Amino acid sequence: MLVSDQGEKYNRLSVFGGKDYLFMYDYSCRPFDITLWTLEGRRIQAYWLNPADSVWLMI
């Protein structure tokens, strides 16, 4: 997986992953693109967690 436009210091995206999950965190509120080429052929479910109210939304 590739993340475009990584910045310096606090202006970057944090990514953690395992065999069957991927967690990405960005607190700068700037747009970012990801390429999930390493997950090709797999079904992907994506969710957004709103940090203000802790509500999960499937995207």
PDB file of N, CA and C in Angstrom:
ATOM      1  N   MET A   1       0.835  -1.173   0.000  1.00  0.00           N
ATOM      2  CA  MET A   1       0.000   0.000   0.000  1.00  0.00           C
ATOM      3  C   MET A   1       0.881   1.239   0.000  1.00  0.00           C
ATOM      4  N   LEU A   2       0.493   2.208  -0.747  1.00  0.00           N
ATOM      5  CA  LEU A   2       1.235   3.463  -0.826  1.00  0.00           C
ATOM      6  C   LEU A   2       0.350   4.605  -0.379  1.00  0.00           C
ATOM      7  N   VAL A   3       0.927   5.539   0.336  1.00  0.00           N
ATOM      8  CA  VAL A   3       0.219   6.734   0.767  1.00  0.00           C
ATOM      9  C   VAL A   3       0.907   7.916   0.116  1.00  0.00           C
ATOM     10  N   SER A   4       0.143   8.738  -0.585  1.00  0.00           N
ATOM     11  CA  SER A   4       0.735   9.870  -1.298  1.00  0.00           C
ATOM     12  C   SER A   4       0.861  11.092  -0.400  1.00  0.00           C
ATOM     13  N   ASP A   5       1.771  11.948  -0.758  1.00  0.00           N
ATOM     14  CA  ASP A   5       1.934  13.261  -0.116  1.00  0.00           C
ATOM     15  C   ASP A   5       2.148  13.199   1.388  1.00  0.00           C
ATOM     16  N   GLN A   6       2.984  12.281   1.847  1.00  0.00           N
ATOM     17  CA  GLN A   6       3.323  12.251   3.263  1.00  0.00           C
ATOM     18  C   GLN A   6       4.100  13.514   3.602  1.00  0.00           C
ATOM     19  N   GLY A   7       3.732  14.154   4.673  1.00  0.00           N
ATOM     20  CA  GLY A   7       4.417  15.367   5.093  1.00  0.00           C
ATOM     21  C   GLY A   7       5.474  15.064   6.146  1.00  0.00           C
ATOM     22  N   GLU A   8       5.895  16.086   6.820  1.00  0.00           N
ATOM     23  CA  GLU A   8       6.894  15.945   7.865  1.00  0.00           C
ATOM     24  C   GLU A   8       6.258  16.131   9.237  1.00  0.00           C
ATOM     25  N   LYS A   9       6.902  15.608  10.224  1.00  0.00           N
ATOM     26  CA  LYS A   9       6.509  15.726  11.625  1.00  0.00           C
ATOM     27  C   LYS A   9       5.058  15.323  11.832  1.00  0.00           C
ATOM     28  N   TYR A  10       4.180  16.249  12.196  1.00  0.00           N
ATOM     29  CA  TYR A  10       2.778  15.927  12.491  1.00  0.00           C
ATOM     30  C   TYR A  10       1.885  15.939  11.263  1.00  0.00           C
ATOM     31  N   ASN A  11       2.402  16.320  10.141  1.00  0.00           N
ATOM     32  CA  ASN A  11       1.626  16.399   8.908  1.00  0.00           C
ATOM     33  C   ASN A  11       1.789  15.112   8.105  1.00  0.00           C
ATOM     34  N   ARG A  12       1.423  13.999   8.720  1.00  0.00           N
ATOM     35  CA  ARG A  12       1.548  12.707   8.046  1.00  0.00           C
ATOM     36  C   ARG A  12       0.429  11.773   8.474  1.00  0.00           C
ATOM     37  N   LEU A  13       0.296  10.706   7.751  1.00  0.00           N
ATOM     38  CA  LEU A  13      -0.730   9.704   7.995  1.00  0.00           C
ATOM     39  C   LEU A  13      -0.101   8.534   8.746  1.00  0.00           C
ATOM     40  N   SER A  14      -0.734   8.111   9.830  1.00  0.00           N
ATOM     41  CA  SER A  14      -0.271   6.942  10.581  1.00  0.00           C
ATOM     42  C   SER A  14      -1.024   5.721  10.067  1.00  0.00           C
ATOM     43  N   VAL A  15      -0.290   4.647   9.779  1.00  0.00           N
ATOM     44  CA  VAL A  15      -0.899   3.432   9.229  1.00  0.00           C
ATOM     45  C   VAL A  15      -0.426   2.227  10.029  1.00  0.00           C
ATOM     46  N   PHE A  16      -1.374   1.404  10.456  1.00  0.00           N
ATOM     47  CA  PHE A  16      -1.084   0.160  11.167  1.00  0.00           C
ATOM     48  C   PHE A  16      -1.849  -0.946  10.464  1.00  0.00           C
ATOM     49  N   GLY A  17      -1.271  -2.114  10.334  1.00  0.00           N
ATOM     50  CA  GLY A  17      -1.972  -3.192   9.650  1.00  0.00           C
ATOM     51  C   GLY A  17      -1.595  -4.554  10.178  1.00  0.00           C
ATOM     52  N   GLY A  18      -2.449  -5.512   9.866  1.00  0.00           N
ATOM     53  CA  GLY A  18      -2.234  -6.904  10.207  1.00  0.00           C
ATOM     54  C   GLY A  18      -2.698  -7.775   9.064  1.00  0.00           C
ATOM     55  N   LYS A  19      -2.887  -9.042   9.339  1.00  0.00           N
ATOM     56  CA  LYS A  19      -3.273  -9.997   8.300  1.00  0.00           C
ATOM     57  C   LYS A  19      -4.614  -9.651   7.661  1.00  0.00           C
ATOM     58  N   ASP A  20      -5.559  -9.195   8.447  1.00  0.00           N
ATOM     59  CA  ASP A  20      -6.894  -8.952   7.907  1.00  0.00           C
ATOM     60  C   ASP A  20      -7.479  -7.589   8.275  1.00  0.00           C
ATOM     61  N   TYR A  21      -6.605  -6.634   8.581  1.00  0.00           N
ATOM     62  CA  TYR A  21      -7.117  -5.294   8.874  1.00  0.00           C
ATOM     63  C   TYR A  21      -6.077  -4.235   8.520  1.00  0.00           C
ATOM     64  N   LEU A  22      -6.562  -3.015   8.382  1.00  0.00           N
ATOM     65  CA  LEU A  22      -5.702  -1.857   8.139  1.00  0.00           C
ATOM     66  C   LEU A  22      -6.336  -0.677   8.856  1.00  0.00           C
ATOM     67  N   PHE A  23      -5.558   0.024   9.643  1.00  0.00           N
ATOM     68  CA  PHE A  23      -6.039   1.185  10.382  1.00  0.00           C
ATOM     69  C   PHE A  23      -5.222   2.388   9.955  1.00  0.00           C
ATOM     70  N   MET A  24      -5.898   3.436   9.537  1.00  0.00           N
ATOM     71  CA  MET A  24      -5.222   4.659   9.112  1.00  0.00           C
ATOM     72  C   MET A  24      -5.766   5.810   9.941  1.00  0.00           C
ATOM     73  N   TYR A  25      -4.864   6.692  10.356  1.00  0.00           N
ATOM     74  CA  TYR A  25      -5.263   7.820  11.192  1.00  0.00           C
ATOM     75  C   TYR A  25      -4.627   9.096  10.679  1.00  0.00           C
ATOM     76  N   ASP A  26      -5.453  10.135  10.527  1.00  0.00           N
ATOM     77  CA  ASP A  26      -4.962  11.437  10.100  1.00  0.00           C
ATOM     78  C   ASP A  26      -5.663  12.506  10.915  1.00  0.00           C
ATOM     79  N   TYR A  27      -4.916  13.285  11.673  1.00  0.00           N
ATOM     80  CA  TYR A  27      -5.546  14.336  12.462  1.00  0.00           C
ATOM     81  C   TYR A  27      -5.334  15.723  11.881  1.00  0.00           C
ATOM     82  N   SER A  28      -4.752  15.817  10.707  1.00  0.00           N
ATOM     83  CA  SER A  28      -4.523  17.122  10.088  1.00  0.00           C
ATOM     84  C   SER A  28      -5.717  17.584   9.245  1.00  0.00           C
ATOM     85  N   CYS A  29      -6.656  16.687   8.953  1.00  0.00           N
ATOM     86  CA  CYS A  29      -7.860  16.990   8.163  1.00  0.00           C
ATOM     87  C   CYS A  29      -7.553  17.370   6.722  1.00  0.00           C
ATOM     88  N   ARG A  30      -6.387  17.003   6.224  1.00  0.00           N
ATOM     89  CA  ARG A  30      -6.087  17.287   4.821  1.00  0.00           C
ATOM     90  C   ARG A  30      -6.407  16.040   3.989  1.00  0.00           C
ATOM     91  N   PRO A  31      -6.784  16.201   2.732  1.00  0.00           N
ATOM     92  CA  PRO A  31      -7.098  15.041   1.889  1.00  0.00           C
ATOM     93  C   PRO A  31      -5.851  14.196   1.629  1.00  0.00           C
ATOM     94  N   PHE A  32      -6.052  12.895   1.428  1.00  0.00           N
ATOM     95  CA  PHE A  32      -4.955  11.997   1.082  1.00  0.00           C
ATOM     96  C   PHE A  32      -5.472  10.901   0.172  1.00  0.00           C
ATOM     97  N   ASP A  33      -4.592  10.293  -0.578  1.00  0.00           N
ATOM     98  CA  ASP A  33      -4.928   9.173  -1.461  1.00  0.00           C
ATOM     99  C   ASP A  33      -4.160   7.948  -1.010  1.00  0.00           C
ATOM    100  N   ILE A  34      -4.798   6.790  -1.127  1.00  0.00           N
ATOM    101  CA  ILE A  34      -4.117   5.530  -0.853  1.00  0.00           C
ATOM    102  C   ILE A  34      -4.297   4.603  -2.048  1.00  0.00           C
ATOM    103  N   THR A  35      -3.339   3.748  -2.259  1.00  0.00           N
ATOM    104  CA  THR A  35      -3.407   2.739  -3.307  1.00  0.00           C
ATOM    105  C   THR A  35      -3.360   1.377  -2.630  1.00  0.00           C
ATOM    106  N   LEU A  36      -4.411   0.617  -2.794  1.00  0.00           N
ATOM    107  CA  LEU A  36      -4.519  -0.671  -2.107  1.00  0.00           C
ATOM    108  C   LEU A  36      -4.118  -1.834  -3.010  1.00  0.00           C
ATOM    109  N   TRP A  37      -3.074  -1.654  -3.806  1.00  0.00           N
ATOM    110  CA  TRP A  37      -2.668  -2.692  -4.760  1.00  0.00           C
ATOM    111  C   TRP A  37      -2.255  -3.982  -4.072  1.00  0.00           C
ATOM    112  N   THR A  38      -1.783  -3.928  -2.851  1.00  0.00           N
ATOM    113  CA  THR A  38      -1.389  -5.160  -2.153  1.00  0.00           C
ATOM    114  C   THR A  38      -2.588  -5.979  -1.703  1.00  0.00           C
ATOM    115  N   LEU A  39      -3.780  -5.378  -1.743  1.00  0.00           N
ATOM    116  CA  LEU A  39      -4.997  -6.079  -1.338  1.00  0.00           C
ATOM    117  C   LEU A  39      -5.835  -6.502  -2.536  1.00  0.00           C
ATOM    118  N   GLU A  40      -5.255  -6.498  -3.709  1.00  0.00           N
ATOM    119  CA  GLU A  40      -5.976  -6.823  -4.931  1.00  0.00           C
ATOM    120  C   GLU A  40      -6.651  -8.189  -4.827  1.00  0.00           C
ATOM    121  N   GLY A  41      -7.891  -8.242  -5.285  1.00  0.00           N
ATOM    122  CA  GLY A  41      -8.632  -9.494  -5.281  1.00  0.00           C
ATOM    123  C   GLY A  41      -9.357  -9.778  -3.985  1.00  0.00           C
ATOM    124  N   ARG A  42      -9.181  -8.939  -2.999  1.00  0.00           N
ATOM    125  CA  ARG A  42      -9.862  -9.130  -1.729  1.00  0.00           C
ATOM    126  C   ARG A  42     -11.028  -8.164  -1.609  1.00  0.00           C
ATOM    127  N   ARG A  43     -12.018  -8.560  -0.855  1.00  0.00           N
ATOM    128  CA  ARG A  43     -13.141  -7.672  -0.572  1.00  0.00           C
ATOM    129  C   ARG A  43     -12.706  -6.697   0.520  1.00  0.00           C
ATOM    130  N   ILE A  44     -12.960  -5.428   0.291  1.00  0.00           N
ATOM    131  CA  ILE A  44     -12.531  -4.401   1.228  1.00  0.00           C
ATOM    132  C   ILE A  44     -13.752  -3.692   1.792  1.00  0.00           C
ATOM    133  N   GLN A  45     -13.818  -3.599   3.115  1.00  0.00           N
ATOM    134  CA  GLN A  45     -14.848  -2.815   3.781  1.00  0.00           C
ATOM    135  C   GLN A  45     -14.152  -1.624   4.419  1.00  0.00           C
ATOM    136  N   ALA A  46     -14.688  -0.442   4.201  1.00  0.00           N
ATOM    137  CA  ALA A  46     -14.073   0.766   4.737  1.00  0.00           C
ATOM    138  C   ALA A  46     -15.065   1.500   5.632  1.00  0.00           C
ATOM    139  N   TYR A  47     -14.559   2.022   6.723  1.00  0.00           N
ATOM    140  CA  TYR A  47     -15.375   2.759   7.678  1.00  0.00           C
ATOM    141  C   TYR A  47     -14.688   4.070   8.030  1.00  0.00           C
ATOM    142  N   TRP A  48     -15.495   5.059   8.342  1.00  0.00           N
ATOM    143  CA  TRP A  48     -15.005   6.329   8.848  1.00  0.00           C
ATOM    144  C   TRP A  48     -15.431   6.429  10.309  1.00  0.00           C
ATOM    145  N   LEU A  49     -14.500   6.759  11.175  1.00  0.00           N
ATOM    146  CA  LEU A  49     -14.818   6.997  12.584  1.00  0.00           C
ATOM    147  C   LEU A  49     -14.748   8.494  12.833  1.00  0.00           C
ATOM    148  N   ASN A  50     -15.859   9.070  13.227  1.00  0.00           N
ATOM    149  CA  ASN A  50     -15.896  10.488  13.558  1.00  0.00           C
ATOM    150  C   ASN A  50     -15.342  10.645  14.974  1.00  0.00           C
ATOM    151  N   PRO A  51     -14.181  11.283  15.131  1.00  0.00           N
ATOM    152  CA  PRO A  51     -13.587  11.390  16.462  1.00  0.00           C
ATOM    153  C   PRO A  51     -14.378  12.282  17.418  1.00  0.00           C
ATOM    154  N   ALA A  52     -15.240  13.130  16.895  1.00  0.00           N
ATOM    155  CA  ALA A  52     -16.017  14.021  17.754  1.00  0.00           C
ATOM    156  C   ALA A  52     -17.100  13.284  18.532  1.00  0.00           C
ATOM    157  N   ASP A  53     -17.731  12.261  17.898  1.00  0.00           N
ATOM    158  CA  ASP A  53     -18.822  11.561  18.579  1.00  0.00           C
ATOM    159  C   ASP A  53     -18.652  10.041  18.605  1.00  0.00           C
ATOM    160  N   SER A  54     -17.526   9.543  18.111  1.00  0.00           N
ATOM    161  CA  SER A  54     -17.196   8.103  18.109  1.00  0.00           C
ATOM    162  C   SER A  54     -18.185   7.252  17.324  1.00  0.00           C
ATOM    163  N   VAL A  55     -18.812   7.823  16.289  1.00  0.00           N
ATOM    164  CA  VAL A  55     -19.760   7.086  15.459  1.00  0.00           C
ATOM    165  C   VAL A  55     -19.036   6.559  14.223  1.00  0.00           C
ATOM    166  N   TRP A  56     -19.212   5.239  13.951  1.00  0.00           N
ATOM    167  CA  TRP A  56     -18.645   4.594  12.772  1.00  0.00           C
ATOM    168  C   TRP A  56     -19.616   4.702  11.611  1.00  0.00           C
ATOM    169  N   LEU A  57     -19.112   4.993  10.418  1.00  0.00           N
ATOM    170  CA  LEU A  57     -19.924   5.089   9.216  1.00  0.00           C
ATOM    171  C   LEU A  57     -19.261   4.283   8.113  1.00  0.00           C
ATOM    172  N   MET A  58     -19.989   3.336   7.513  1.00  0.00           N
ATOM    173  CA  MET A  58     -19.441   2.571   6.413  1.00  0.00           C
ATOM    174  C   MET A  58     -19.354   3.465   5.179  1.00  0.00           C
ATOM    175  N   ILE A  59     -18.194   3.470   4.518  1.00  0.00           N
ATOM    176  CA  ILE A  59     -18.018   4.313   3.328  1.00  0.00           C
ATOM    177  C   ILE A  59     -17.747   3.463   2.117  1.00  0.00           C
TER     178      ILE A  59
END
